[in-house]
Protein backbone atom coordinates (compact mmCIF):
# COMPACT_ATOMS: atom_id res chain seq x y z
CA MET A 1 -110.00 183.42 102.40
CA SER A 2 -110.78 187.00 101.91
CA VAL A 3 -110.49 189.07 98.78
CA GLY A 4 -107.39 190.86 100.17
CA GLN A 5 -105.59 187.56 100.73
CA ILE A 6 -106.39 186.40 97.20
CA ALA A 7 -105.08 189.68 95.80
CA ALA A 8 -101.89 189.25 97.88
CA LEU A 9 -101.41 185.71 96.50
CA ILE A 10 -101.90 186.94 92.91
CA ALA A 11 -99.43 189.76 93.52
CA ALA A 12 -96.90 187.31 95.04
CA GLY A 13 -97.33 184.98 92.03
CA ALA A 14 -96.82 187.85 89.61
CA PHE A 15 -93.69 188.89 91.51
CA VAL A 16 -92.31 185.31 91.29
CA VAL A 17 -92.98 185.23 87.54
CA LEU A 18 -91.29 188.64 87.18
CA VAL A 19 -88.25 187.44 89.14
CA LEU A 20 -88.04 184.28 86.99
CA LEU A 21 -88.29 186.30 83.79
CA LEU A 22 -85.53 188.65 84.96
CA ALA A 23 -83.33 185.81 86.23
CA VAL A 24 -82.73 184.39 82.73
CA PRO A 25 -81.16 187.56 81.25
CA LEU A 26 -79.19 188.09 84.46
CA LEU A 27 -77.75 184.57 84.25
CA LYS A 28 -76.86 185.08 80.58
CA LEU A 29 -75.23 188.43 81.43
CA GLY A 30 -73.23 186.71 84.18
CA ARG A 31 -71.93 184.09 81.71
CA THR A 32 -71.06 186.83 79.23
CA LEU A 33 -69.10 188.68 81.90
CA ASP A 34 -67.28 185.47 82.84
CA GLU A 35 -66.32 184.89 79.19
CA ALA A 36 -65.18 188.49 78.87
CA THR A 37 -63.03 188.07 81.98
CA VAL A 38 -61.47 184.91 80.55
CA ALA A 39 -60.81 186.64 77.22
CA ILE A 40 -59.19 189.61 78.94
CA ARG A 41 -57.02 187.30 81.03
CA LYS A 42 -55.88 185.40 77.91
CA ALA A 43 -55.17 188.65 76.08
CA HIS A 44 -53.14 189.85 79.04
CA GLU A 45 -51.18 186.60 79.18
CA GLY A 46 -50.58 186.75 75.41
CA SER A 47 -49.51 190.38 75.45
CA ALA A 48 -46.65 189.89 77.92
CA PRO A 49 -44.46 187.92 75.45
CA LEU A 50 -45.34 190.41 72.71
CA LEU A 51 -44.22 193.30 74.87
CA GLU A 52 -41.00 191.49 75.77
CA ASP A 53 -40.32 190.82 72.06
CA ALA A 54 -41.03 194.46 71.26
CA GLN A 55 -38.56 195.52 73.95
CA THR A 56 -35.91 193.19 72.50
CA THR A 57 -36.58 194.50 69.00
CA LEU A 58 -36.25 198.09 70.16
CA SER A 59 -32.93 197.39 71.86
CA VAL A 60 -31.61 195.72 68.68
CA VAL A 61 -32.81 198.65 66.58
CA ASN A 62 -31.09 201.08 68.95
CA THR A 63 -27.85 199.10 68.61
CA GLN A 64 -28.11 199.19 64.82
CA LEU A 65 -28.83 202.92 64.89
CA GLU A 66 -25.69 203.49 66.94
CA ARG A 67 -23.69 201.56 64.33
CA VAL A 68 -25.25 203.57 61.51
CA ASP A 69 -24.41 206.76 63.39
CA GLY A 70 -20.78 205.63 63.59
CA ILE A 71 -20.74 204.83 59.88
CA THR A 72 -22.30 208.19 59.06
CA SER A 73 -19.73 210.09 61.10
CA SER A 74 -16.93 208.12 59.42
CA ALA A 75 -18.40 208.90 55.98
CA ARG A 76 -18.60 212.57 56.96
CA ALA A 77 -14.92 212.53 57.95
CA VAL A 78 -13.95 210.81 54.68
CA THR A 79 -15.95 213.37 52.69
CA SER A 80 -14.21 216.19 54.50
CA ASN A 81 -10.79 214.62 53.84
CA VAL A 82 -11.57 214.15 50.15
CA SER A 83 -12.69 217.76 49.89
CA VAL A 84 -9.46 218.98 51.48
CA LEU A 85 -7.41 216.67 49.24
CA THR A 86 -9.23 217.94 46.14
CA SER A 87 -8.57 221.53 47.14
CA LEU A 88 -4.91 220.73 47.77
CA PHE A 89 -4.58 218.94 44.41
CA THR A 90 -6.25 221.84 42.60
CA ALA A 91 -4.01 224.39 44.30
CA THR A 92 -0.79 222.40 43.83
CA LEU A 93 -1.15 220.77 40.43
CA GLY A 94 -4.09 222.60 38.88
CA GLY A 95 -2.21 225.78 37.97
CA PRO A 96 0.81 224.07 36.39
CA LEU A 97 -1.39 221.58 34.54
CA VAL A 98 -3.49 224.40 33.10
CA ARG A 99 -0.32 226.19 32.03
CA ALA A 100 1.10 223.02 30.46
CA ALA A 101 -2.17 222.40 28.62
CA ALA A 102 -2.23 225.99 27.37
CA PHE A 103 1.39 225.73 26.25
CA SER A 104 0.81 222.47 24.38
CA TYR A 105 -2.30 223.96 22.78
CA GLY A 106 -0.29 226.99 21.65
CA VAL A 107 2.50 224.81 20.27
CA ASN A 108 -0.04 222.66 18.45
CA LYS A 109 -1.70 225.74 16.90
CA ALA A 110 1.73 227.13 15.84
CA VAL A 111 2.74 223.82 14.23
CA LYS A 112 -0.58 223.62 12.37
CA ALA A 113 -0.22 227.23 11.21
CA ARG A 114 3.31 226.58 10.03
CA ARG A 115 2.19 223.46 8.15
CA ALA A 116 -0.69 225.36 6.61
CA ALA A 117 1.69 228.11 5.49
CA ARG A 118 4.11 225.54 4.08
CA ASP A 119 1.30 223.73 2.26
CA ALA A 120 0.08 227.05 0.90
CA GLY A 121 3.60 227.73 -0.36
CA ASP A 122 3.69 224.37 -2.13
CA ALA A 123 0.47 225.26 -3.91
CA ARG A 124 2.00 228.38 -5.55
CA PRO A 125 3.53 228.07 -8.97
CA GLY A 126 7.05 226.86 -8.57
CA GLY A 127 6.29 225.57 -5.05
CA ARG A 128 9.31 224.05 -3.33
CA ARG A 129 11.78 225.07 -5.93
CA ASN A 130 11.21 228.74 -5.18
CA ARG A 131 11.66 228.16 -1.48
CA ARG A 132 14.91 226.29 -1.95
CA ARG A 133 16.35 229.06 -4.07
CA ARG A 134 15.60 231.64 -1.44
């Protein structure tokens, strides 16, 4: 055996050791990739029912929003009708009621003034007797 052949054998041995040292991390990386593939597959299988449930929930929410929209439009119509009715009531009965209230207030003030004048007359000397003679 020559020196060149011995050097070739040493180089071949070193290459085998290098391949064995690199094979361990490569095998571990392969297992990690397999586990990641399994995890992704399970996540994909688990996400399909979630997406279907989300779709169902969205359709129910849309139905409820349509109902709320109907209720809101009905409430808007009722508010408009009440506003018109209030305006009509104010125009029809507001003026006469204000006049009646003013009239009753005036009558009340006149009666109180008359009573005050009568009571003031009773307080004078002679009081009622003088009034009866007149």
